[in-house]
Amino acid sequence: MGLPPSRGIEHQIDLVPRASLPSRPTYRTNPQETKEIESQVQKLLEKGWVRKSLSPCVVPVLLVPKKDGKQEGWQVENVL
């Protein structure tokens, strides 16, 4: 798949020296939700759209209903 074409805009993240990393607890999920999250994350890994991280930070995710009412299921959303 690869990266999208360059659009001439450069982005950067300015880091603050000695700043602490955000640390939030993960949201509790029932077994069905946990299975759905794991399934969707596995699909994203297989497509190469996400990768595993060794970061000490945890970024919570939520399951939200898909916008298309005809499709059953959920989609994973990051909570920042």
Protein backbone atom coordinates (compact mmCIF):
# COMPACT_ATOMS: atom_id res chain seq x y z
CA MET A 1 0.00 0.00 0.00
CA GLY A 2 2.59 2.60 1.05
CA LEU A 3 2.37 6.27 1.88
CA PRO A 4 0.10 8.79 0.16
CA PRO A 5 1.69 11.24 -2.29
CA SER A 6 3.55 14.20 -0.81
CA ARG A 7 1.39 17.31 -0.57
CA GLY A 8 4.16 19.76 0.26
CA ILE A 9 3.13 20.11 3.92
CA GLU A 10 5.57 19.10 6.64
CA HIS A 11 4.26 18.21 10.10
CA GLN A 12 6.24 17.86 13.29
CA ILE A 13 5.61 17.14 16.93
CA ASP A 14 7.54 19.37 19.32
CA LEU A 15 8.52 17.37 22.40
CA VAL A 16 8.81 18.96 25.83
CA PRO A 17 12.03 17.90 27.61
CA ARG A 18 11.45 15.75 30.74
CA ALA A 19 7.67 15.77 30.19
CA SER A 20 5.89 12.73 31.58
CA LEU A 21 4.12 10.38 29.22
CA PRO A 22 0.33 10.25 29.44
CA SER A 23 -0.85 7.16 31.23
CA ARG A 24 -4.51 6.19 31.27
CA PRO A 25 -6.07 2.97 32.42
CA THR A 26 -7.64 0.80 29.75
CA TYR A 27 -11.41 0.57 29.57
CA ARG A 28 -12.96 -2.61 30.86
CA THR A 29 -14.68 -4.69 28.22
CA ASN A 30 -16.83 -7.78 28.36
CA PRO A 31 -15.55 -10.99 26.69
CA GLN A 32 -17.51 -10.32 23.48
CA GLU A 33 -16.09 -6.79 23.15
CA THR A 34 -12.57 -8.01 23.92
CA LYS A 35 -12.87 -10.66 21.20
CA GLU A 36 -14.14 -8.05 18.69
CA ILE A 37 -11.31 -5.61 19.50
CA GLU A 38 -8.69 -8.37 19.15
CA SER A 39 -10.22 -9.47 15.83
CA GLN A 40 -10.24 -5.96 14.38
CA VAL A 41 -6.73 -5.17 15.58
CA GLN A 42 -5.49 -8.43 14.02
CA LYS A 43 -7.08 -7.46 10.69
CA LEU A 44 -5.42 -4.02 10.85
CA LEU A 45 -2.05 -5.65 11.62
CA GLU A 46 -2.43 -8.05 8.67
CA LYS A 47 -3.23 -5.14 6.33
CA GLY A 48 -0.18 -3.23 7.58
CA TRP A 49 -2.32 -0.28 8.65
CA VAL A 50 -1.09 -0.49 12.26
CA ARG A 51 1.93 -2.02 13.94
CA LYS A 52 2.73 -3.32 17.39
CA SER A 53 4.20 -0.81 19.78
CA LEU A 54 6.67 -1.15 22.64
CA SER A 55 5.58 2.19 24.09
CA PRO A 56 5.00 2.29 27.85
CA CYS A 57 1.84 4.33 27.13
CA VAL A 58 -1.55 2.74 26.66
CA VAL A 59 -4.01 4.37 24.27
CA PRO A 60 -7.55 3.26 25.08
CA VAL A 61 -9.92 2.18 22.33
CA LEU A 62 -13.69 2.15 22.19
CA LEU A 63 -16.08 0.07 20.14
CA VAL A 64 -18.58 2.33 18.43
CA PRO A 65 -21.45 1.33 16.13
CA LYS A 66 -20.69 1.69 12.42
CA LYS A 67 -22.36 4.64 10.71
CA ASP A 68 -23.88 2.39 8.05
CA GLY A 69 -26.99 1.04 9.75
CA LYS A 70 -27.17 -1.82 7.24
CA GLN A 71 -23.90 -3.33 8.38
CA GLU A 72 -23.79 -5.17 11.64
CA GLY A 73 -20.77 -4.81 13.81
CA TRP A 74 -18.52 -2.27 15.37
CA GLN A 75 -15.41 -0.32 14.57
CA VAL A 76 -12.46 0.36 16.83
CA GLU A 77 -11.82 4.05 17.65
CA ASN A 78 -8.81 5.48 19.46
CA VAL A 79 -9.50 7.73 22.40
CA LEU A 80 -6.93 10.49 22.72
